[in-house]
Amino acid sequence: MRISEVDFGAKQPVDGYGPDFFRLGGVAHPAPLLVAPGIVQGWGGYADHETLLALAGQVDVLLIGTGGQIAHIPTELREVLEAAGLGVEAMDSPAACRTYNVLLSEARRVALAVLPVG
């Protein structure tokens, strides 16, 4: 079997997480967190629509990590984001981090908004 190293270029994949942080490029950032092209910043959670709406036109898909368990995101949030042209996929935060890394390695226009794991 041939194993190839993934080159993320200047983009930073999620390389770890804990109960109250997510690590990118070896640096821990407090949760909740938003990661998008050129952006690594705190996120205000489901009520913080404006921060996510600012991604419209910059990304094709927004992965929302719902914490340690899969959960539905608020219907209003999903409707507002989809009306702005953002594709939204909700999953538990560990799965969202893994999916983000895969899409990032494929040079997709992706963003990640994640709640703490637990």
Protein backbone atom coordinates (compact mmCIF):
# COMPACT_ATOMS: atom_id res chain seq x y z
CA MET A 1 0.00 0.00 0.00
CA ARG A 2 1.27 3.46 -0.90
CA ILE A 3 0.73 6.19 1.67
CA SER A 4 0.88 9.78 0.53
CA GLU A 5 1.41 12.76 2.79
CA VAL A 6 -1.36 15.34 2.40
CA ASP A 7 -0.14 18.84 1.61
CA PHE A 8 -2.54 21.46 2.93
CA GLY A 9 -0.39 24.34 1.69
CA ALA A 10 -1.03 27.47 3.78
CA LYS A 11 -4.39 26.13 4.98
CA GLN A 12 -4.57 24.76 8.50
CA PRO A 13 -6.33 21.47 9.17
CA VAL A 14 -7.68 20.60 12.60
CA ASP A 15 -4.99 18.45 14.19
CA GLY A 16 -6.61 17.85 17.57
CA TYR A 17 -9.34 18.78 20.01
CA GLY A 18 -10.33 18.45 23.63
CA PRO A 19 -13.25 19.33 25.87
CA ASP A 20 -12.85 23.09 25.40
CA PHE A 21 -10.41 23.63 22.52
CA PHE A 22 -9.55 22.82 18.92
CA ARG A 23 -5.92 22.69 17.75
CA LEU A 24 -4.81 23.98 14.36
CA GLY A 25 -1.17 24.00 13.32
CA GLY A 26 -0.18 22.97 16.84
CA VAL A 27 -1.93 25.98 18.42
CA ALA A 28 -4.92 25.44 20.70
CA HIS A 29 -7.89 27.79 20.19
CA PRO A 30 -10.78 28.01 22.65
CA ALA A 31 -14.13 26.60 21.58
CA PRO A 32 -16.53 27.41 20.01
CA LEU A 33 -14.44 28.15 16.94
CA LEU A 34 -14.84 29.28 13.34
CA VAL A 35 -12.27 28.23 10.74
CA ALA A 36 -12.52 29.54 7.18
CA PRO A 37 -10.13 30.73 4.48
CA GLY A 38 -7.85 33.22 6.26
CA ILE A 39 -9.95 33.07 9.46
CA VAL A 40 -9.46 31.33 12.78
CA GLN A 41 -11.59 33.05 15.42
CA GLY A 42 -14.03 32.49 18.21
CA TRP A 43 -17.63 31.82 17.23
CA GLY A 44 -20.67 32.87 19.29
CA GLY A 45 -22.57 29.63 18.69
CA TYR A 46 -25.97 29.17 17.07
CA ALA A 47 -27.11 32.72 17.88
CA ASP A 48 -24.15 34.21 15.98
CA HIS A 49 -25.71 34.31 12.50
CA GLU A 50 -23.77 37.35 11.28
CA THR A 51 -20.33 35.76 11.60
CA LEU A 52 -21.47 32.81 9.51
CA LEU A 53 -23.35 34.97 6.97
CA ALA A 54 -20.10 36.85 6.29
CA LEU A 55 -18.82 33.63 4.68
CA ALA A 56 -21.41 33.79 1.87
CA GLY A 57 -19.62 33.85 -1.47
CA GLN A 58 -16.33 32.73 0.12
CA VAL A 59 -17.20 29.09 0.79
CA ASP A 60 -19.50 26.53 -0.78
CA VAL A 61 -20.12 24.43 2.30
CA LEU A 62 -20.22 25.23 5.99
CA LEU A 63 -19.73 22.30 8.33
CA ILE A 64 -21.30 22.85 11.74
CA GLY A 65 -20.01 20.71 14.59
CA THR A 66 -22.79 20.28 17.15
CA GLY A 67 -20.56 19.17 20.02
CA GLY A 68 -19.93 15.64 21.26
CA GLN A 69 -23.27 14.36 19.91
CA ILE A 70 -25.05 14.84 16.61
CA ALA A 71 -27.91 17.31 16.96
CA HIS A 72 -30.13 19.39 14.74
CA ILE A 73 -29.10 23.01 14.36
CA PRO A 74 -31.86 25.58 14.88
CA THR A 75 -34.18 25.70 11.87
CA GLU A 76 -33.94 29.51 11.68
CA LEU A 77 -30.13 29.33 11.46
CA ARG A 78 -30.24 26.74 8.68
CA GLU A 79 -32.82 28.75 6.72
CA VAL A 80 -30.87 32.01 7.01
CA LEU A 81 -27.60 30.37 5.91
CA GLU A 82 -29.14 28.48 3.01
CA ALA A 83 -30.95 31.63 1.83
CA ALA A 84 -27.53 33.31 1.69
CA GLY A 85 -26.26 30.52 -0.58
CA LEU A 86 -24.29 28.56 2.00
CA GLY A 87 -24.53 24.79 1.92
CA VAL A 88 -24.88 23.63 5.53
CA GLU A 89 -23.97 20.22 6.93
CA ALA A 90 -24.41 19.51 10.64
CA MET A 91 -22.67 16.63 12.41
CA ASP A 92 -20.98 16.00 15.73
CA SER A 93 -17.82 18.08 16.17
CA PRO A 94 -15.29 15.21 15.79
CA ALA A 95 -16.89 14.16 12.47
CA ALA A 96 -17.05 17.81 11.36
CA CYS A 97 -13.31 18.20 12.00
CA ARG A 98 -12.47 15.04 10.04
CA THR A 99 -14.74 16.03 7.15
CA TYR A 100 -13.28 19.55 7.13
CA ASN A 101 -9.76 18.12 6.82
CA VAL A 102 -10.76 15.86 3.93
CA LEU A 103 -12.49 18.67 2.03
CA LEU A 104 -9.59 21.01 2.75
CA SER A 105 -7.14 18.45 1.31
CA GLU A 106 -9.28 18.38 -1.85
CA ALA A 107 -8.93 22.19 -2.13
CA ARG A 108 -12.66 22.67 -1.60
CA ARG A 109 -14.10 25.99 -0.45
CA VAL A 110 -15.08 24.91 3.05
CA ALA A 111 -15.54 26.46 6.48
CA LEU A 112 -15.96 24.90 9.91
CA ALA A 113 -17.96 26.21 12.86
CA VAL A 114 -17.62 23.90 15.87
CA LEU A 115 -19.02 23.71 19.36
CA PRO A 116 -16.99 22.14 22.19
CA VAL A 117 -16.81 18.36 22.30
CA GLY A 118 -17.74 18.05 25.93
